[in-house]
Amino acid sequence: MHDTPSSSGIVSSGIVAKAEATKPVYTVAEFAALFNRHKSWAYRLIYNGKINVISEFGLMMIPANEVDKIVATAGRYTGK
């Protein structure tokens, strides 16, 4: 079986695909959907200062490079 990205940028197996270069920013809901999470998860990241947002224009927008920043933290899971 071959994993292919859907139109939302999510690979069918649940692995997040690299941010689309043609979309420079995401809404909070779109950002959360890229990781198959609820938008409250994204708001927690925002309010804890873990991701940067653009908020000066009446809508919180998350730059696409923030997706890449999260994906770059991937590593081997060794348990706790």
Foldseek 3Di string as FASTA:
>chain_A
DDWDADPLQATPVQDGHQQDPVDFKDALQSLQVSNPHHSVVSVVCVVVVVADWDPPPPGTIGTSVRVVVVVVVDDDDDDD
